[in-house]
């Protein structure tokens, strides 16, 4: 479905009127301005008041009104033209910047990943004890508040696993 079919059908009629009446009003305004200023400059050498200078004051608002009506009448066409001209340039610019910064972004992503991995196992990471809830160091083997074991021991092979492990690192048995 075309965009014009989605909007109010009267918009096309109004747009057509604005495209015709707007330039006509602007031309009439220009003519009145020319007549007014022509009358003013013609009267300078005769030492008499200009007879049609008032036409310039009537022509200025008409010129403004005609230009405004024309802008609204051609606004959609101008916007579509600008979008057609600007979109490919914007796309090329983004692609150029992306290609030029790809290696830098990969380096930053690797550094962020390494920092997150270090923070997950770093000495400043605190986790609660499953027995008493006291926050303790992630690398601690026992809770410093209640003495409970913080490591998961595999019931199948006896291997000591990290406390967040779901499966044994030695035999692959599920840990609870």
C-alpha atoms as a PDB file:
ATOM      1  CA  UNK A   1       0.000   0.000   0.000  1.00  0.00           C
ATOM      2  CA  UNK A   2       1.455   3.363  -0.991  1.00  0.00           C
ATOM      3  CA  UNK A   3       1.962   6.056   1.629  1.00  0.00           C
ATOM      4  CA  UNK A   4      -0.393   8.423  -0.171  1.00  0.00           C
ATOM      5  CA  UNK A   5      -3.217   5.915   0.249  1.00  0.00           C
ATOM      6  CA  UNK A   6      -2.685   5.787   4.013  1.00  0.00           C
ATOM      7  CA  UNK A   7      -3.183   9.522   4.571  1.00  0.00           C
ATOM      8  CA  UNK A   8      -6.344  11.571   4.289  1.00  0.00           C
ATOM      9  CA  UNK A   9      -7.464  11.684   0.608  1.00  0.00           C
ATOM     10  CA  UNK A  10      -8.137  15.428   0.896  1.00  0.00           C
ATOM     11  CA  UNK A  11      -4.409  16.013   1.422  1.00  0.00           C
ATOM     12  CA  UNK A  12      -3.724  15.395  -2.267  1.00  0.00           C
ATOM     13  CA  UNK A  13      -6.356  17.968  -3.225  1.00  0.00           C
ATOM     14  CA  UNK A  14      -5.020  20.521  -0.758  1.00  0.00           C
ATOM     15  CA  UNK A  15      -1.456  19.883  -1.910  1.00  0.00           C
ATOM     16  CA  UNK A  16      -2.487  20.466  -5.537  1.00  0.00           C
ATOM     17  CA  UNK A  17      -4.208  23.750  -4.616  1.00  0.00           C
ATOM     18  CA  UNK A  18      -1.152  24.907  -2.669  1.00  0.00           C
ATOM     19  CA  UNK A  19       1.121  24.017  -5.610  1.00  0.00           C
ATOM     20  CA  UNK A  20      -0.937  26.192  -7.955  1.00  0.00           C
ATOM     21  CA  UNK A  21      -2.136  29.063  -5.757  1.00  0.00           C
ATOM     22  CA  UNK A  22       1.171  29.470  -3.860  1.00  0.00           C
ATOM     23  CA  UNK A  23       3.316  30.437  -6.866  1.00  0.00           C
ATOM     24  CA  UNK A  24       0.513  32.645  -8.254  1.00  0.00           C
ATOM     25  CA  UNK A  25       0.225  34.588  -4.977  1.00  0.00           C
ATOM     26  CA  UNK A  26       4.025  34.907  -4.838  1.00  0.00           C
ATOM     27  CA  UNK A  27       4.140  36.293  -8.409  1.00  0.00           C
ATOM     28  CA  UNK A  28       1.367  38.797  -7.619  1.00  0.00           C
ATOM     29  CA  UNK A  29       3.299  39.834  -4.496  1.00  0.00           C
ATOM     30  CA  UNK A  30       6.494  40.330  -6.544  1.00  0.00           C
ATOM     31  CA  UNK A  31       4.623  42.411  -9.123  1.00  0.00           C
ATOM     32  CA  UNK A  32       3.110  44.617  -6.412  1.00  0.00           C
ATOM     33  CA  UNK A  33       6.530  45.091  -4.809  1.00  0.00           C
ATOM     34  CA  UNK A  34       8.027  46.007  -8.197  1.00  0.00           C
ATOM     35  CA  UNK A  35       5.221  48.499  -8.870  1.00  0.00           C
ATOM     36  CA  UNK A  36       5.565  50.049  -5.391  1.00  0.00           C
ATOM     37  CA  UNK A  37       9.317  50.484  -5.522  1.00  0.00           C
ATOM     38  CA  UNK A  38       9.168  51.551  -9.169  1.00  0.00           C
ATOM     39  CA  UNK A  39       6.682  54.279  -8.219  1.00  0.00           C
ATOM     40  CA  UNK A  40       8.943  55.360  -5.349  1.00  0.00           C
ATOM     41  CA  UNK A  41      12.059  55.664  -7.510  1.00  0.00           C
ATOM     42  CA  UNK A  42      10.169  57.333 -10.369  1.00  0.00           C
ATOM     43  CA  UNK A  43       8.923  60.046  -8.025  1.00  0.00           C
ATOM     44  CA  UNK A  44      12.408  60.972  -6.765  1.00  0.00           C
ATOM     45  CA  UNK A  45      13.236  63.202  -9.707  1.00  0.00           C
ATOM     46  CA  UNK A  46       9.784  64.840  -9.934  1.00  0.00           C
ATOM     47  CA  UNK A  47       9.572  66.059  -6.328  1.00  0.00           C
ATOM     48  CA  UNK A  48       6.090  64.624  -5.876  1.00  0.00           C
ATOM     49  CA  UNK A  49       4.927  61.800  -3.590  1.00  0.00           C
ATOM     50  CA  UNK A  50       4.938  58.275  -5.005  1.00  0.00           C
ATOM     51  CA  UNK A  51       1.431  57.265  -6.060  1.00  0.00           C
ATOM     52  CA  UNK A  52       1.733  53.476  -5.868  1.00  0.00           C
ATOM     53  CA  UNK A  53       4.246  52.990  -3.046  1.00  0.00           C
ATOM     54  CA  UNK A  54       1.501  51.323  -1.000  1.00  0.00           C
ATOM     55  CA  UNK A  55       1.674  48.411  -3.460  1.00  0.00           C
ATOM     56  CA  UNK A  56       5.065  47.424  -2.010  1.00  0.00           C
ATOM     57  CA  UNK A  57       3.540  47.117   1.470  1.00  0.00           C
ATOM     58  CA  UNK A  58       0.730  44.978   0.101  1.00  0.00           C
ATOM     59  CA  UNK A  59       3.114  42.884  -2.014  1.00  0.00           C
ATOM     60  CA  UNK A  60       5.487  41.890   0.816  1.00  0.00           C
ATOM     61  CA  UNK A  61       2.944  39.874   2.839  1.00  0.00           C
ATOM     62  CA  UNK A  62       1.580  38.379  -0.383  1.00  0.00           C
ATOM     63  CA  UNK A  63       5.061  37.294  -1.406  1.00  0.00           C
ATOM     64  CA  UNK A  64       5.602  35.725   2.019  1.00  0.00           C
ATOM     65  CA  UNK A  65       2.211  33.991   1.908  1.00  0.00           C
ATOM     66  CA  UNK A  66       2.855  32.655  -1.607  1.00  0.00           C
ATOM     67  CA  UNK A  67       6.266  31.287  -0.656  1.00  0.00           C
ATOM     68  CA  UNK A  68       4.835  29.633   2.477  1.00  0.00           C
ATOM     69  CA  UNK A  69       1.996  28.055   0.491  1.00  0.00           C
ATOM     70  CA  UNK A  70       4.484  26.774  -2.094  1.00  0.00           C
ATOM     71  CA  UNK A  71       6.703  25.313   0.628  1.00  0.00           C
ATOM     72  CA  UNK A  72       3.796  23.350   2.090  1.00  0.00           C
ATOM     73  CA  UNK A  73       2.664  22.268  -1.369  1.00  0.00           C
ATOM     74  CA  UNK A  74       6.073  20.896  -2.352  1.00  0.00           C
ATOM     75  CA  UNK A  75       7.259  19.808   1.105  1.00  0.00           C
ATOM     76  CA  UNK A  76       6.775  16.072   0.516  1.00  0.00           C
ATOM     77  CA  UNK A  77       8.509  16.120  -2.857  1.00  0.00           C
ATOM     78  CA  UNK A  78      11.448  18.093  -1.470  1.00  0.00           C
ATOM     79  CA  UNK A  79      11.751  15.780   1.543  1.00  0.00           C
ATOM     80  CA  UNK A  80      11.733  12.676  -0.663  1.00  0.00           C
ATOM     81  CA  UNK A  81      14.383  14.222  -2.922  1.00  0.00           C
ATOM     82  CA  UNK A  82      16.580  15.131   0.061  1.00  0.00           C
ATOM     83  CA  UNK A  83      16.201  11.656   1.546  1.00  0.00           C
ATOM     84  CA  UNK A  84      17.152  10.102  -1.783  1.00  0.00           C
ATOM     85  CA  UNK A  85      20.250  12.287  -1.959  1.00  0.00           C
ATOM     86  CA  UNK A  86      21.312  12.071   1.693  1.00  0.00           C
ATOM     87  CA  UNK A  87      20.653   8.399   2.489  1.00  0.00           C
ATOM     88  CA  UNK A  88      23.367   6.948   0.202  1.00  0.00           C
ATOM     89  CA  UNK A  89      25.901   9.506   1.443  1.00  0.00           C
ATOM     90  CA  UNK A  90      25.074   8.696   5.070  1.00  0.00           C
ATOM     91  CA  UNK A  91      25.315   4.967   4.391  1.00  0.00           C
ATOM     92  CA  UNK A  92      28.713   5.374   2.707  1.00  0.00           C
ATOM     93  CA  UNK A  93      29.943   7.529   5.603  1.00  0.00           C
ATOM     94  CA  UNK A  94      28.884   4.983   8.221  1.00  0.00           C
ATOM     95  CA  UNK A  95      30.471   2.128   6.241  1.00  0.00           C
ATOM     96  CA  UNK A  96      33.704   4.108   5.832  1.00  0.00           C
ATOM     97  CA  UNK A  97      33.870   4.868   9.553  1.00  0.00           C
ATOM     98  CA  UNK A  98      33.015   1.289  10.485  1.00  0.00           C
ATOM     99  CA  UNK A  99      35.725  -0.108   8.223  1.00  0.00           C
ATOM    100  CA  UNK A 100      38.300   2.318   9.583  1.00  0.00           C
ATOM    101  CA  UNK A 101      37.519   1.598  13.231  1.00  0.00           C
ATOM    102  CA  UNK A 102      36.890  -2.157  13.078  1.00  0.00           C
ATOM    103  CA  UNK A 103      40.312  -3.121  14.504  1.00  0.00           C
ATOM    104  CA  UNK A 104      40.033  -0.567  17.307  1.00  0.00           C
ATOM    105  CA  UNK A 105      36.568  -1.791  18.266  1.00  0.00           C
ATOM    106  CA  UNK A 106      37.805  -5.390  18.355  1.00  0.00           C
ATOM    107  CA  UNK A 107      40.716  -4.374  20.603  1.00  0.00           C
ATOM    108  CA  UNK A 108      38.395  -2.517  22.968  1.00  0.00           C
ATOM    109  CA  UNK A 109      35.943  -5.434  23.035  1.00  0.00           C
ATOM    110  CA  UNK A 110      38.736  -7.861  23.899  1.00  0.00           C
ATOM    111  CA  UNK A 111      39.959  -5.572  26.693  1.00  0.00           C
ATOM    112  CA  UNK A 112      36.448  -5.221  28.108  1.00  0.00           C
ATOM    113  CA  UNK A 113      35.967  -9.000  27.966  1.00  0.00           C
ATOM    114  CA  UNK A 114      39.260  -9.575  29.758  1.00  0.00           C
ATOM    115  CA  UNK A 115      38.341  -6.999  32.398  1.00  0.00           C
ATOM    116  CA  UNK A 116      34.959  -8.606  32.992  1.00  0.00           C
ATOM    117  CA  UNK A 117      36.544 -12.037  33.254  1.00  0.00           C
ATOM    118  CA  UNK A 118      39.109 -10.738  35.755  1.00  0.00           C
ATOM    119  CA  UNK A 119      36.404  -8.995  37.775  1.00  0.00           C
ATOM    120  CA  UNK A 120      34.335 -12.202  37.938  1.00  0.00           C
ATOM    121  CA  UNK A 121      37.220 -14.053  39.586  1.00  0.00           C
ATOM    122  CA  UNK A 122      39.110 -11.120  41.064  1.00  0.00           C
ATOM    123  CA  UNK A 123      39.878 -10.712  44.779  1.00  0.00           C
ATOM    124  CA  UNK A 124      37.347  -7.905  45.217  1.00  0.00           C
ATOM    125  CA  UNK A 125      34.358 -10.023  44.110  1.00  0.00           C
ATOM    126  CA  UNK A 126      32.089 -10.865  47.051  1.00  0.00           C
ATOM    127  CA  UNK A 127      29.522 -13.694  47.102  1.00  0.00           C
ATOM    128  CA  UNK A 128      27.135 -14.830  49.848  1.00  0.00           C
ATOM    129  CA  UNK A 129      27.705 -18.017  51.847  1.00  0.00           C
ATOM    130  CA  UNK A 130      25.056 -20.658  51.022  1.00  0.00           C
ATOM    131  CA  UNK A 131      24.732 -21.505  54.747  1.00  0.00           C
ATOM    132  CA  UNK A 132      24.658 -18.170  56.597  1.00  0.00           C
ATOM    133  CA  UNK A 133      24.482 -15.571  53.754  1.00  0.00           C
ATOM    134  CA  UNK A 134      27.614 -13.711  54.905  1.00  0.00           C
ATOM    135  CA  UNK A 135      29.395 -12.010  51.972  1.00  0.00           C
ATOM    136  CA  UNK A 136      32.820 -13.503  51.445  1.00  0.00           C
ATOM    137  CA  UNK A 137      35.625 -13.550  48.891  1.00  0.00           C
ATOM    138  CA  UNK A 138      34.834 -15.535  45.755  1.00  0.00           C
ATOM    139  CA  UNK A 139      38.165 -17.397  45.991  1.00  0.00           C
ATOM    140  CA  UNK A 140      37.688 -18.451  49.632  1.00  0.00           C
ATOM    141  CA  UNK A 141      37.278 -22.190  50.309  1.00  0.00           C
ATOM    142  CA  UNK A 142      35.443 -21.696  53.630  1.00  0.00           C
ATOM    143  CA  UNK A 143      33.091 -19.023  54.991  1.00  0.00           C
ATOM    144  CA  UNK A 144      34.898 -16.738  57.435  1.00  0.00           C
ATOM    145  CA  UNK A 145      31.688 -16.243  59.455  1.00  0.00           C
ATOM    146  CA  UNK A 146      30.357 -19.792  59.917  1.00  0.00           C
ATOM    147  CA  UNK A 147      33.149 -22.019  58.572  1.00  0.00           C
ATOM    148  CA  UNK A 148      30.947 -23.773  55.991  1.00  0.00           C
ATOM    149  CA  UNK A 149      32.661 -25.161  52.919  1.00  0.00           C
ATOM    150  CA  UNK A 150      32.223 -22.851  49.948  1.00  0.00           C
ATOM    151  CA  UNK A 151      33.513 -25.246  47.310  1.00  0.00           C
ATOM    152  CA  UNK A 152      31.379 -27.916  45.651  1.00  0.00           C
ATOM    153  CA  UNK A 153      32.772 -31.401  46.106  1.00  0.00           C
ATOM    154  CA  UNK A 154      31.756 -33.923  43.453  1.00  0.00           C
ATOM    155  CA  UNK A 155      29.866 -36.791  45.116  1.00  0.00           C
ATOM    156  CA  UNK A 156      31.057 -39.154  42.378  1.00  0.00           C
ATOM    157  CA  UNK A 157      34.827 -38.557  42.240  1.00  0.00           C
ATOM    158  CA  UNK A 158      35.523 -36.196  45.189  1.00  0.00           C
ATOM    159  CA  UNK A 159      36.988 -33.421  42.987  1.00  0.00           C
ATOM    160  CA  UNK A 160      36.733 -29.916  44.521  1.00  0.00           C
ATOM    161  CA  UNK A 161      34.988 -27.589  42.051  1.00  0.00           C
ATOM    162  CA  UNK A 162      34.283 -23.844  42.056  1.00  0.00           C
ATOM    163  CA  UNK A 163      31.200 -22.874  44.045  1.00  0.00           C
ATOM    164  CA  UNK A 164      29.318 -21.701  40.915  1.00  0.00           C
ATOM    165  CA  UNK A 165      30.026 -24.897  38.933  1.00  0.00           C
ATOM    166  CA  UNK A 166      26.987 -26.918  37.825  1.00  0.00           C
ATOM    167  CA  UNK A 167      29.009 -29.906  36.624  1.00  0.00           C
ATOM    168  CA  UNK A 168      32.217 -31.513  37.883  1.00  0.00           C
ATOM    169  CA  UNK A 169      35.334 -30.335  36.044  1.00  0.00           C
ATOM    170  CA  UNK A 170      36.893 -33.788  36.515  1.00  0.00           C
ATOM    171  CA  UNK A 171      34.158 -36.323  35.649  1.00  0.00           C
ATOM    172  CA  UNK A 172      31.269 -34.197  34.310  1.00  0.00           C
ATOM    173  CA  UNK A 173      28.819 -35.378  36.998  1.00  0.00           C
ATOM    174  CA  UNK A 174      26.034 -32.900  37.871  1.00  0.00           C
ATOM    175  CA  UNK A 175      26.562 -30.904  41.076  1.00  0.00           C
ATOM    176  CA  UNK A 176      23.729 -29.787  43.333  1.00  0.00           C
END
